PDB file of all heavy atoms in Angstrom:
ATOM      1  N   LYS A   1     113.782  93.654 116.064  1.00  0.00           N
ATOM      2  CA  LYS A   1     115.196  93.965 116.149  1.00  0.00           C
ATOM      3  C   LYS A   1     115.657  93.528 117.472  1.00  0.00           C
ATOM      4  O   LYS A   1     115.293  94.143 118.501  1.00  0.00           O
ATOM      5  CB  LYS A   1     115.489  95.414 115.831  1.00  0.00           C
ATOM      6  CG  LYS A   1     117.003  95.696 115.842  1.00  0.00           C
ATOM      7  CD  LYS A   1     117.375  97.093 115.686  1.00  0.00           C
ATOM      8  CE  LYS A   1     118.853  97.350 115.887  1.00  0.00           C
ATOM      9  NZ  LYS A   1     119.311  98.696 115.744  1.00  0.00           N
ATOM     10  N   GLU A   2     116.590  92.545 117.519  1.00  0.00           N
ATOM     11  CA  GLU A   2     117.088  92.109 118.869  1.00  0.00           C
ATOM     12  C   GLU A   2     118.380  92.884 119.199  1.00  0.00           C
ATOM     13  O   GLU A   2     119.242  93.146 118.245  1.00  0.00           O
ATOM     14  CB  GLU A   2     117.389  90.649 118.803  1.00  0.00           C
ATOM     15  CG  GLU A   2     116.107  89.819 118.706  1.00  0.00           C
ATOM     16  CD  GLU A   2     116.420  88.392 118.843  1.00  0.00           C
ATOM     17  OE1 GLU A   2     117.440  87.838 118.265  1.00  0.00           O
ATOM     18  OE2 GLU A   2     115.684  87.642 119.475  1.00  0.00           O
ATOM     19  N   THR A   3     118.467  93.255 120.423  1.00  0.00           N
ATOM     20  CA  THR A   3     119.631  93.984 120.909  1.00  0.00           C
ATOM     21  C   THR A   3     120.182  93.382 122.180  1.00  0.00           C
ATOM     22  O   THR A   3     119.363  92.537 122.774  1.00  0.00           O
ATOM     23  CB  THR A   3     119.309  95.436 121.126  1.00  0.00           C
ATOM     24  OG1 THR A   3     118.365  95.586 122.172  1.00  0.00           O
ATOM     25  CG2 THR A   3     118.840  96.121 119.996  1.00  0.00           C
ATOM     26  N   SER A   4     121.360  93.686 122.480  1.00  0.00           N
ATOM     27  CA  SER A   4     121.940  93.196 123.738  1.00  0.00           C
ATOM     28  C   SER A   4     122.571  94.402 124.473  1.00  0.00           C
ATOM     29  O   SER A   4     123.281  95.173 123.879  1.00  0.00           O
ATOM     30  CB  SER A   4     123.081  92.179 123.389  1.00  0.00           C
ATOM     31  OG  SER A   4     123.505  91.489 124.452  1.00  0.00           O
ATOM     32  N   ARG A   5     122.093  94.591 125.730  1.00  0.00           N
ATOM     33  CA  ARG A   5     122.679  95.800 126.482  1.00  0.00           C
ATOM     34  C   ARG A   5     123.221  95.277 127.817  1.00  0.00           C
ATOM     35  O   ARG A   5     122.947  94.108 128.209  1.00  0.00           O
ATOM     36  CB  ARG A   5     121.522  96.704 126.731  1.00  0.00           C
ATOM     37  CG  ARG A   5     120.901  97.307 125.530  1.00  0.00           C
ATOM     38  CD  ARG A   5     120.406  98.698 125.705  1.00  0.00           C
ATOM     39  NE  ARG A   5     120.006  99.238 124.347  1.00  0.00           N
ATOM     40  CZ  ARG A   5     120.880  99.887 123.600  1.00  0.00           C
ATOM     41  NH1 ARG A   5     122.043 100.115 123.897  1.00  0.00           N
ATOM     42  NH2 ARG A   5     120.374 100.401 122.408  1.00  0.00           N
ATOM     43  N   VAL A   6     123.878  96.120 128.450  1.00  0.00           N
ATOM     44  CA  VAL A   6     124.649  95.712 129.706  1.00  0.00           C
ATOM     45  C   VAL A   6     124.584  96.739 130.690  1.00  0.00           C
ATOM     46  O   VAL A   6     124.551  97.988 130.435  1.00  0.00           O
ATOM     47  CB  VAL A   6     126.152  95.412 129.320  1.00  0.00           C
ATOM     48  CG1 VAL A   6     126.910  96.601 128.860  1.00  0.00           C
ATOM     49  CG2 VAL A   6     126.879  94.771 130.539  1.00  0.00           C
ATOM     50  N   VAL A   7     124.443  96.335 131.951  1.00  0.00           N
ATOM     51  CA  VAL A   7     124.552  97.232 133.066  1.00  0.00           C
ATOM     52  C   VAL A   7     126.043  97.131 133.483  1.00  0.00           C
ATOM     53  O   VAL A   7     126.471  96.170 134.110  1.00  0.00           O
ATOM     54  CB  VAL A   7     123.673  96.840 134.305  1.00  0.00           C
ATOM     55  CG1 VAL A   7     123.922  97.764 135.482  1.00  0.00           C
ATOM     56  CG2 VAL A   7     122.253  96.869 133.916  1.00  0.00           C
ATOM     57  N   LEU A   8     126.829  98.083 133.047  1.00  0.00           N
ATOM     58  CA  LEU A   8     128.271  98.009 133.136  1.00  0.00           C
ATOM     59  C   LEU A   8     128.701  98.865 134.350  1.00  0.00           C
ATOM     60  O   LEU A   8     128.467  99.985 134.502  1.00  0.00           O
ATOM     61  CB  LEU A   8     128.973  98.571 131.863  1.00  0.00           C
ATOM     62  CG  LEU A   8     130.484  98.562 131.759  1.00  0.00           C
ATOM     63  CD1 LEU A   8     131.060  97.176 131.793  1.00  0.00           C
ATOM     64  CD2 LEU A   8     130.902  99.336 130.514  1.00  0.00           C
ATOM     65  N   LEU A   9     129.382  98.183 135.328  1.00  0.00           N
ATOM     66  CA  LEU A   9     129.839  98.821 136.513  1.00  0.00           C
ATOM     67  C   LEU A   9     131.355  98.970 136.532  1.00  0.00           C
ATOM     68  O   LEU A   9     132.087  97.993 136.116  1.00  0.00           O
ATOM     69  CB  LEU A   9     129.412  97.915 137.749  1.00  0.00           C
ATOM     70  CG  LEU A   9     127.937  97.629 137.914  1.00  0.00           C
ATOM     71  CD1 LEU A   9     127.805  96.653 139.047  1.00  0.00           C
ATOM     72  CD2 LEU A   9     127.174  98.921 138.248  1.00  0.00           C
ATOM     73  N   ASN A  10     131.816 100.106 137.076  1.00  0.00           N
ATOM     74  CA  ASN A  10     133.330 100.144 137.226  1.00  0.00           C
ATOM     75  C   ASN A  10     133.601  99.806 138.626  1.00  0.00           C
ATOM     76  O   ASN A  10     132.802  99.312 139.380  1.00  0.00           O
ATOM     77  CB  ASN A  10     133.724 101.689 136.972  1.00  0.00           C
ATOM     78  CG  ASN A  10     133.234 102.711 137.920  1.00  0.00           C
ATOM     79  OD1 ASN A  10     132.662 102.389 138.999  1.00  0.00           O
ATOM     80  ND2 ASN A  10     133.465 103.897 137.608  1.00  0.00           N
ATOM     81  N   ASN A  11     134.880  99.939 139.046  1.00  0.00           N
ATOM     82  CA  ASN A  11     135.394  99.447 140.339  1.00  0.00           C
ATOM     83  C   ASN A  11     134.773 100.120 141.603  1.00  0.00           C
ATOM     84  O   ASN A  11     134.827  99.838 142.641  1.00  0.00           O
ATOM     85  CB  ASN A  11     136.810  99.516 140.480  1.00  0.00           C
ATOM     86  CG  ASN A  11     137.531  98.548 139.507  1.00  0.00           C
ATOM     87  OD1 ASN A  11     136.982  97.493 139.172  1.00  0.00           O
ATOM     88  ND2 ASN A  11     138.786  98.835 139.123  1.00  0.00           N
ATOM     89  N   PHE A  12     134.116 101.340 141.228  1.00  0.00           N
ATOM     90  CA  PHE A  12     133.494 102.173 142.327  1.00  0.00           C
ATOM     91  C   PHE A  12     131.902 101.958 142.325  1.00  0.00           C
ATOM     92  O   PHE A  12     131.247 102.579 143.079  1.00  0.00           O
ATOM     93  CB  PHE A  12     133.752 103.642 142.096  1.00  0.00           C
ATOM     94  CG  PHE A  12     135.237 103.929 141.968  1.00  0.00           C
ATOM     95  CD1 PHE A  12     135.792 104.229 140.765  1.00  0.00           C
ATOM     96  CD2 PHE A  12     135.925 104.014 143.070  1.00  0.00           C
ATOM     97  CE1 PHE A  12     137.168 104.555 140.697  1.00  0.00           C
ATOM     98  CE2 PHE A  12     137.313 104.280 143.106  1.00  0.00           C
ATOM     99  CZ  PHE A  12     137.908 104.465 141.866  1.00  0.00           C
ATOM    100  N   GLY A  13     131.474 101.031 141.479  1.00  0.00           N
ATOM    101  CA  GLY A  13     129.971 100.669 141.522  1.00  0.00           C
ATOM    102  C   GLY A  13     129.234 101.656 140.746  1.00  0.00           C
ATOM    103  O   GLY A  13     127.898 101.638 140.825  1.00  0.00           O
ATOM    104  N   GLN A  14     129.869 102.472 139.901  1.00  0.00           N
ATOM    105  CA  GLN A  14     129.190 103.440 139.091  1.00  0.00           C
ATOM    106  C   GLN A  14     128.738 102.801 137.777  1.00  0.00           C
ATOM    107  O   GLN A  14     129.364 101.947 137.169  1.00  0.00           O
ATOM    108  CB  GLN A  14     130.059 104.642 138.722  1.00  0.00           C
ATOM    109  CG  GLN A  14     130.478 105.398 140.017  1.00  0.00           C
ATOM    110  CD  GLN A  14     131.563 106.434 139.594  1.00  0.00           C
ATOM    111  OE1 GLN A  14     132.477 106.104 139.008  1.00  0.00           O
ATOM    112  NE2 GLN A  14     131.403 107.601 140.253  1.00  0.00           N
ATOM    113  N   VAL A  15     127.485 103.089 137.335  1.00  0.00           N
ATOM    114  CA  VAL A  15     126.969 102.541 136.094  1.00  0.00           C
ATOM    115  C   VAL A  15     127.263 103.348 134.857  1.00  0.00           C
ATOM    116  O   VAL A  15     127.096 104.634 134.913  1.00  0.00           O
ATOM    117  CB  VAL A  15     125.403 102.399 136.244  1.00  0.00           C
ATOM    118  CG1 VAL A  15     124.840 101.834 134.929  1.00  0.00           C
ATOM    119  CG2 VAL A  15     125.042 101.446 137.392  1.00  0.00           C
ATOM    120  N   ALA A  16     127.748 102.748 133.833  1.00  0.00           N
ATOM    121  CA  ALA A  16     127.971 103.559 132.565  1.00  0.00           C
ATOM    122  C   ALA A  16     126.741 103.737 131.797  1.00  0.00           C
ATOM    123  O   ALA A  16     126.056 102.849 131.619  1.00  0.00           O
ATOM    124  CB  ALA A  16     129.004 102.684 131.713  1.00  0.00           C
ATOM    125  N   LEU A  17     126.564 105.006 131.357  1.00  0.00           N
ATOM    126  CA  LEU A  17     125.357 105.335 130.492  1.00  0.00           C
ATOM    127  C   LEU A  17     125.884 106.082 129.284  1.00  0.00           C
ATOM    128  O   LEU A  17     126.880 106.917 129.433  1.00  0.00           O
ATOM    129  CB  LEU A  17     124.387 106.215 131.335  1.00  0.00           C
ATOM    130  CG  LEU A  17     123.659 105.630 132.478  1.00  0.00           C
ATOM    131  CD1 LEU A  17     122.783 106.609 133.136  1.00  0.00           C
ATOM    132  CD2 LEU A  17     122.820 104.511 131.925  1.00  0.00           C
ATOM    133  N   LEU A  18     125.250 105.910 128.181  1.00  0.00           N
ATOM    134  CA  LEU A  18     125.525 106.686 127.015  1.00  0.00           C
ATOM    135  C   LEU A  18     124.557 107.786 126.870  1.00  0.00           C
ATOM    136  O   LEU A  18     123.387 107.582 127.027  1.00  0.00           O
ATOM    137  CB  LEU A  18     125.517 105.721 125.790  1.00  0.00           C
ATOM    138  CG  LEU A  18     126.473 104.610 125.706  1.00  0.00           C
ATOM    139  CD1 LEU A  18     126.130 103.683 124.529  1.00  0.00           C
ATOM    140  CD2 LEU A  18     127.887 105.017 125.705  1.00  0.00           C
ATOM    141  N   ASN A  19     125.075 109.000 126.465  1.00  0.00           N
ATOM    142  CA  ASN A  19     124.215 110.146 126.302  1.00  0.00           C
ATOM    143  C   ASN A  19     123.756 110.238 124.761  1.00  0.00           C
ATOM    144  O   ASN A  19     124.549 110.150 123.932  1.00  0.00           O
ATOM    145  CB  ASN A  19     124.971 111.347 126.653  1.00  0.00           C
ATOM    146  CG  ASN A  19     124.089 112.595 126.559  1.00  0.00           C
ATOM    147  OD1 ASN A  19     122.871 112.565 126.554  1.00  0.00           O
ATOM    148  ND2 ASN A  19     124.723 113.724 126.276  1.00  0.00           N
ATOM    149  N   VAL A  20     122.478 110.224 124.583  1.00  0.00           N
ATOM    150  CA  VAL A  20     121.910 110.376 123.249  1.00  0.00           C
ATOM    151  C   VAL A  20     121.454 111.800 123.085  1.00  0.00           C
ATOM    152  O   VAL A  20     120.395 112.220 123.433  1.00  0.00           O
ATOM    153  CB  VAL A  20     120.685 109.430 123.034  1.00  0.00           C
ATOM    154  CG1 VAL A  20     120.241 109.586 121.551  1.00  0.00           C
ATOM    155  CG2 VAL A  20     121.223 108.002 123.248  1.00  0.00           C
ATOM    156  N   GLU A  21     122.422 112.640 122.673  1.00  0.00           N
ATOM    157  CA  GLU A  21     122.167 114.143 122.719  1.00  0.00           C
ATOM    158  C   GLU A  21     121.019 114.579 121.785  1.00  0.00           C
ATOM    159  O   GLU A  21     120.267 115.404 122.158  1.00  0.00           O
ATOM    160  CB  GLU A  21     123.466 114.749 122.188  1.00  0.00           C
ATOM    161  CG  GLU A  21     124.413 115.193 123.305  1.00  0.00           C
ATOM    162  CD  GLU A  21     125.544 116.032 122.791  1.00  0.00           C
ATOM    163  OE1 GLU A  21     125.276 117.127 122.294  1.00  0.00           O
ATOM    164  OE2 GLU A  21     126.702 115.625 123.003  1.00  0.00           O
ATOM    165  N   ARG A  22     120.881 113.849 120.676  1.00  0.00           N
ATOM    166  CA  ARG A  22     119.859 114.242 119.667  1.00  0.00           C
ATOM    167  C   ARG A  22     118.483 114.233 120.295  1.00  0.00           C
ATOM    168  O   ARG A  22     117.659 115.094 119.983  1.00  0.00           O
ATOM    169  CB  ARG A  22     119.948 113.305 118.532  1.00  0.00           C
ATOM    170  CG  ARG A  22     118.974 113.679 117.401  1.00  0.00           C
ATOM    171  CD  ARG A  22     119.108 112.699 116.234  1.00  0.00           C
ATOM    172  NE  ARG A  22     118.175 113.090 115.137  1.00  0.00           N
ATOM    173  CZ  ARG A  22     118.104 112.422 114.096  1.00  0.00           C
ATOM    174  NH1 ARG A  22     119.014 111.480 113.855  1.00  0.00           N
ATOM    175  NH2 ARG A  22     117.186 112.825 113.227  1.00  0.00           N
ATOM    176  N   TYR A  23     118.189 113.277 121.251  1.00  0.00           N
ATOM    177  CA  TYR A  23     116.872 113.176 121.798  1.00  0.00           C
ATOM    178  C   TYR A  23     116.879 113.420 123.320  1.00  0.00           C
ATOM    179  O   TYR A  23     115.878 113.180 123.918  1.00  0.00           O
ATOM    180  CB  TYR A  23     116.283 111.771 121.464  1.00  0.00           C
ATOM    181  CG  TYR A  23     116.095 111.488 120.021  1.00  0.00           C
ATOM    182  CD1 TYR A  23     116.893 110.605 119.368  1.00  0.00           C
ATOM    183  CD2 TYR A  23     115.154 112.201 119.281  1.00  0.00           C
ATOM    184  CE1 TYR A  23     116.768 110.442 118.088  1.00  0.00           C
ATOM    185  CE2 TYR A  23     115.069 111.954 117.912  1.00  0.00           C
ATOM    186  CZ  TYR A  23     115.822 111.056 117.298  1.00  0.00           C
ATOM    187  OH  TYR A  23     115.692 110.886 116.016  1.00  0.00           O
ATOM    188  N   ASN A  24     118.034 113.798 123.865  1.00  0.00           N
ATOM    189  CA  ASN A  24     118.101 114.217 125.223  1.00  0.00           C
ATOM    190  C   ASN A  24     117.784 113.169 126.181  1.00  0.00           C
ATOM    191  O   ASN A  24     116.873 113.318 127.102  1.00  0.00           O
ATOM    192  CB  ASN A  24     117.325 115.469 125.538  1.00  0.00           C
ATOM    193  CG  ASN A  24     117.775 116.049 126.879  1.00  0.00           C
ATOM    194  OD1 ASN A  24     118.860 115.966 127.310  1.00  0.00           O
ATOM    195  ND2 ASN A  24     116.727 116.740 127.513  1.00  0.00           N
ATOM    196  N   TYR A  25     118.428 111.904 126.054  1.00  0.00           N
ATOM    197  CA  TYR A  25     118.235 110.819 127.008  1.00  0.00           C
ATOM    198  C   TYR A  25     119.506 110.006 127.152  1.00  0.00           C
ATOM    199  O   TYR A  25     120.389 110.151 126.352  1.00  0.00           O
ATOM    200  CB  TYR A  25     116.985 109.932 126.673  1.00  0.00           C
ATOM    201  CG  TYR A  25     117.124 109.104 125.480  1.00  0.00           C
ATOM    202  CD1 TYR A  25     117.598 107.743 125.682  1.00  0.00           C
ATOM    203  CD2 TYR A  25     116.795 109.431 124.212  1.00  0.00           C
ATOM    204  CE1 TYR A  25     117.815 106.926 124.584  1.00  0.00           C
ATOM    205  CE2 TYR A  25     116.991 108.709 123.090  1.00  0.00           C
ATOM    206  CZ  TYR A  25     117.507 107.368 123.291  1.00  0.00           C
ATOM    207  OH  TYR A  25     117.741 106.502 122.247  1.00  0.00           O
ATOM    208  N   HIS A  26     119.532 109.084 128.082  1.00  0.00           N
ATOM    209  CA  HIS A  26     120.623 108.204 128.373  1.00  0.00           C
ATOM    210  C   HIS A  26     120.206 106.798 128.094  1.00  0.00           C
ATOM    211  O   HIS A  26     119.030 106.453 128.439  1.00  0.00           O
ATOM    212  CB  HIS A  26     121.227 108.368 129.736  1.00  0.00           C
ATOM    213  CG  HIS A  26     121.750 109.784 129.926  1.00  0.00           C
ATOM    214  ND1 HIS A  26     121.060 110.860 130.196  1.00  0.00           N
ATOM    215  CD2 HIS A  26     123.111 110.157 129.835  1.00  0.00           C
ATOM    216  CE1 HIS A  26     121.883 111.983 130.369  1.00  0.00           C
ATOM    217  NE2 HIS A  26     123.127 111.499 130.130  1.00  0.00           N
ATOM    218  N   LYS A  27     121.102 105.876 127.772  1.00  0.00           N
ATOM    219  CA  LYS A  27     120.759 104.523 127.666  1.00  0.00           C
ATOM    220  C   LYS A  27     121.949 103.636 128.064  1.00  0.00           C
ATOM    221  O   LYS A  27     123.125 104.125 128.156  1.00  0.00           O
ATOM    222  CB  LYS A  27     120.402 104.119 126.206  1.00  0.00           C
ATOM    223  CG  LYS A  27     121.525 104.343 125.198  1.00  0.00           C
ATOM    224  CD  LYS A  27     121.003 103.982 123.792  1.00  0.00           C
ATOM    225  CE  LYS A  27     122.206 104.142 122.793  1.00  0.00           C
ATOM    226  NZ  LYS A  27     121.736 103.746 121.419  1.00  0.00           N
ATOM    227  N   LEU A  28     121.691 102.425 128.294  1.00  0.00           N
ATOM    228  CA  LEU A  28     122.781 101.461 128.683  1.00  0.00           C
ATOM    229  C   LEU A  28     123.597 101.142 127.441  1.00  0.00           C
ATOM    230  O   LEU A  28     123.018 101.048 126.336  1.00  0.00           O
ATOM    231  CB  LEU A  28     122.138 100.178 129.262  1.00  0.00           C
ATOM    232  CG  LEU A  28     121.460 100.283 130.572  1.00  0.00           C
ATOM    233  CD1 LEU A  28     120.709  98.994 130.881  1.00  0.00           C
ATOM    234  CD2 LEU A  28     122.462 100.670 131.711  1.00  0.00           C
ATOM    235  N   PRO A  29     124.844 100.861 127.571  1.00  0.00           N
ATOM    236  CA  PRO A  29     125.643 100.462 126.439  1.00  0.00           C
ATOM    237  C   PRO A  29     125.219  99.159 125.800  1.00  0.00           C
ATOM    238  O   PRO A  29     124.632  98.268 126.502  1.00  0.00           O
ATOM    239  CB  PRO A  29     127.044 100.234 127.021  1.00  0.00           C
ATOM    240  CG  PRO A  29     127.056 100.900 128.309  1.00  0.00           C
ATOM    241  CD  PRO A  29     125.670 100.933 128.816  1.00  0.00           C
ATOM    242  N   GLY A  30     125.380  99.082 124.490  1.00  0.00           N
ATOM    243  CA  GLY A  30     124.959  97.800 123.783  1.00  0.00           C
ATOM    244  C   GLY A  30     124.305  98.204 122.485  1.00  0.00           C
ATOM    245  O   GLY A  30     124.326  99.344 122.131  1.00  0.00           O
ATOM    246  N   GLY A  31     123.822  97.332 121.763  1.00  0.00           N
ATOM    247  CA  GLY A  31     123.157  97.497 120.471  1.00  0.00           C
ATOM    248  C   GLY A  31     122.721  96.334 119.782  1.00  0.00           C
ATOM    249  O   GLY A  31     122.608  95.222 120.385  1.00  0.00           O
ATOM    250  N   GLY A  32     122.371  96.470 118.542  1.00  0.00           N
ATOM    251  CA  GLY A  32     121.883  95.409 117.744  1.00  0.00           C
ATOM    252  C   GLY A  32     122.684  94.140 117.609  1.00  0.00           C
ATOM    253  O   GLY A  32     123.912  94.220 117.507  1.00  0.00           O
ATOM    254  N   ILE A  33     122.005  93.035 117.501  1.00  0.00           N
ATOM    255  CA  ILE A  33     122.703  91.785 117.248  1.00  0.00           C
ATOM    256  C   ILE A  33     122.651  91.491 115.788  1.00  0.00           C
ATOM    257  O   ILE A  33     121.651  91.457 115.159  1.00  0.00           O
ATOM    258  CB  ILE A  33     121.878  90.628 118.044  1.00  0.00           C
ATOM    259  CG1 ILE A  33     121.912  90.926 119.569  1.00  0.00           C
ATOM    260  CG2 ILE A  33     122.604  89.221 117.722  1.00  0.00           C
ATOM    261  CD1 ILE A  33     120.963  90.019 120.332  1.00  0.00           C
ATOM    262  N   GLU A  34     123.772  91.333 115.174  1.00  0.00           N
ATOM    263  CA  GLU A  34     123.998  91.098 113.777  1.00  0.00           C
ATOM    264  C   GLU A  34     123.861  89.636 113.422  1.00  0.00           C
ATOM    265  O   GLU A  34     123.913  88.766 114.297  1.00  0.00           O
ATOM    266  CB  GLU A  34     125.316  91.666 113.293  1.00  0.00           C
ATOM    267  CG  GLU A  34     125.511  93.169 113.457  1.00  0.00           C
ATOM    268  CD  GLU A  34     126.817  93.739 112.967  1.00  0.00           C
ATOM    269  OE1 GLU A  34     127.665  92.906 112.566  1.00  0.00           O
ATOM    270  OE2 GLU A  34     126.962  94.871 113.120  1.00  0.00           O
ATOM    271  N   ALA A  35     123.539  89.385 112.208  1.00  0.00           N
ATOM    272  CA  ALA A  35     123.313  88.037 111.624  1.00  0.00           C
ATOM    273  C   ALA A  35     124.551  87.166 111.981  1.00  0.00           C
ATOM    274  O   ALA A  35     125.619  87.585 111.891  1.00  0.00           O
ATOM    275  CB  ALA A  35     123.104  88.022 110.126  1.00  0.00           C
ATOM    276  N   GLY A  36     124.282  86.033 112.585  1.00  0.00           N
ATOM    277  CA  GLY A  36     125.326  85.101 112.962  1.00  0.00           C
ATOM    278  C   GLY A  36     126.025  85.350 114.355  1.00  0.00           C
ATOM    279  O   GLY A  36     126.797  84.566 114.781  1.00  0.00           O
ATOM    280  N   GLU A  37     125.539  86.435 115.018  1.00  0.00           N
ATOM    281  CA  GLU A  37     126.094  86.661 116.368  1.00  0.00           C
ATOM    282  C   GLU A  37     125.196  86.205 117.390  1.00  0.00           C
ATOM    283  O   GLU A  37     124.009  86.218 117.296  1.00  0.00           O
ATOM    284  CB  GLU A  37     126.216  88.248 116.602  1.00  0.00           C
ATOM    285  CG  GLU A  37     127.456  88.898 115.997  1.00  0.00           C
ATOM    286  CD  GLU A  37     127.374  90.369 116.312  1.00  0.00           C
ATOM    287  OE1 GLU A  37     126.380  91.063 116.371  1.00  0.00           O
ATOM    288  OE2 GLU A  37     128.536  90.846 116.567  1.00  0.00           O
ATOM    289  N   SER A  38     125.816  85.711 118.518  1.00  0.00           N
ATOM    290  CA  SER A  38     125.069  85.431 119.719  1.00  0.00           C
ATOM    291  C   SER A  38     124.912  86.765 120.494  1.00  0.00           C
ATOM    292  O   SER A  38     125.570  87.699 120.189  1.00  0.00           O
ATOM    293  CB  SER A  38     125.824  84.491 120.548  1.00  0.00           C
ATOM    294  OG  SER A  38     126.960  85.083 121.200  1.00  0.00           O
ATOM    295  N   PRO A  39     123.947  86.888 121.402  1.00  0.00           N
ATOM    296  CA  PRO A  39     123.768  88.115 122.273  1.00  0.00           C
ATOM    297  C   PRO A  39     125.126  88.483 122.870  1.00  0.00           C
ATOM    298  O   PRO A  39     125.417  89.668 122.963  1.00  0.00           O
ATOM    299  CB  PRO A  39     122.677  87.679 123.233  1.00  0.00           C
ATOM    300  CG  PRO A  39     121.842  86.699 122.507  1.00  0.00           C
ATOM    301  CD  PRO A  39     122.874  85.909 121.643  1.00  0.00           C
ATOM    302  N   ARG A  40     125.800  87.503 123.469  1.00  0.00           N
ATOM    303  CA  ARG A  40     127.056  87.801 124.078  1.00  0.00           C
ATOM    304  C   ARG A  40     128.174  88.324 123.144  1.00  0.00           C
ATOM    305  O   ARG A  40     128.884  89.213 123.463  1.00  0.00           O
ATOM    306  CB  ARG A  40     127.647  86.592 124.865  1.00  0.00           C
ATOM    307  CG  ARG A  40     126.911  86.351 126.107  1.00  0.00           C
ATOM    308  CD  ARG A  40     127.646  85.364 127.035  1.00  0.00           C
ATOM    309  NE  ARG A  40     126.824  85.101 128.144  1.00  0.00           N
ATOM    310  CZ  ARG A  40     127.267  84.736 129.318  1.00  0.00           C
ATOM    311  NH1 ARG A  40     128.644  84.624 129.451  1.00  0.00           N
ATOM    312  NH2 ARG A  40     126.491  84.428 130.299  1.00  0.00           N
ATOM    313  N   GLN A  41     128.176  87.767 121.914  1.00  0.00           N
ATOM    314  CA  GLN A  41     129.157  88.265 120.870  1.00  0.00           C
ATOM    315  C   GLN A  41     128.841  89.676 120.541  1.00  0.00           C
ATOM    316  O   GLN A  41     129.763  90.522 120.444  1.00  0.00           O
ATOM    317  CB  GLN A  41     129.070  87.362 119.698  1.00  0.00           C
ATOM    318  CG  GLN A  41     129.797  86.013 119.878  1.00  0.00           C
ATOM    319  CD  GLN A  41     129.521  85.029 118.790  1.00  0.00           C
ATOM    320  OE1 GLN A  41     128.439  85.112 118.132  1.00  0.00           O
ATOM    321  NE2 GLN A  41     130.435  84.158 118.463  1.00  0.00           N
ATOM    322  N   ALA A  42     127.551  89.999 120.360  1.00  0.00           N
ATOM    323  CA  ALA A  42     127.083  91.242 119.944  1.00  0.00           C
ATOM    324  C   ALA A  42     127.472  92.327 121.065  1.00  0.00           C
ATOM    325  O   ALA A  42     127.944  93.472 120.763  1.00  0.00           O
ATOM    326  CB  ALA A  42     125.588  91.376 119.701  1.00  0.00           C
ATOM    327  N   LEU A  43     127.260  91.896 122.379  1.00  0.00           N
ATOM    328  CA  LEU A  43     127.565  92.688 123.447  1.00  0.00           C
ATOM    329  C   LEU A  43     129.075  93.031 123.495  1.00  0.00           C
ATOM    330  O   LEU A  43     129.424  94.173 123.775  1.00  0.00           O
ATOM    331  CB  LEU A  43     127.065  92.071 124.797  1.00  0.00           C
ATOM    332  CG  LEU A  43     127.163  92.885 125.999  1.00  0.00           C
ATOM    333  CD1 LEU A  43     126.247  94.133 125.907  1.00  0.00           C
ATOM    334  CD2 LEU A  43     126.686  92.139 127.168  1.00  0.00           C
ATOM    335  N   GLY A  44     129.830  92.056 123.267  1.00  0.00           N
ATOM    336  CA  GLY A  44     131.301  92.265 123.300  1.00  0.00           C
ATOM    337  C   GLY A  44     131.735  93.255 122.151  1.00  0.00           C
ATOM    338  O   GLY A  44     132.467  94.164 122.419  1.00  0.00           O
ATOM    339  N   ARG A  45     131.213  93.091 121.074  1.00  0.00           N
ATOM    340  CA  ARG A  45     131.490  94.015 120.005  1.00  0.00           C
ATOM    341  C   ARG A  45     131.071  95.435 120.192  1.00  0.00           C
ATOM    342  O   ARG A  45     131.699  96.475 120.052  1.00  0.00           O
ATOM    343  CB  ARG A  45     130.873  93.495 118.649  1.00  0.00           C
ATOM    344  CG  ARG A  45     131.062  94.372 117.463  1.00  0.00           C
ATOM    345  CD  ARG A  45     130.408  93.880 116.194  1.00  0.00           C
ATOM    346  NE  ARG A  45     128.985  93.515 116.430  1.00  0.00           N
ATOM    347  CZ  ARG A  45     127.947  94.422 116.539  1.00  0.00           C
ATOM    348  NH1 ARG A  45     128.150  95.764 116.545  1.00  0.00           N
ATOM    349  NH2 ARG A  45     126.692  94.010 116.738  1.00  0.00           N
ATOM    350  N   GLU A  46     129.807  95.572 120.799  1.00  0.00           N
ATOM    351  CA  GLU A  46     129.267  96.875 121.089  1.00  0.00           C
ATOM    352  C   GLU A  46     130.013  97.586 122.164  1.00  0.00           C
ATOM    353  O   GLU A  46     130.227  98.749 122.150  1.00  0.00           O
ATOM    354  CB  GLU A  46     127.796  96.710 121.442  1.00  0.00           C
ATOM    355  CG  GLU A  46     126.850  96.421 120.261  1.00  0.00           C
ATOM    356  CD  GLU A  46     126.614  97.567 119.321  1.00  0.00           C
ATOM    357  OE1 GLU A  46     126.921  98.778 119.685  1.00  0.00           O
ATOM    358  OE2 GLU A  46     126.164  97.338 118.091  1.00  0.00           O
TER     359      GLU A  46
END
């Protein structure tokens, strides 16, 4: 399963993280690449 994730910074240099409450961890924004998508297209959609 291919995914595309991003280190997303705001204007203050802070990194965006998503909280996965169910398993008590954080991850970078992004997700699975769907059929026919490029990694950049998937990243934009996610």
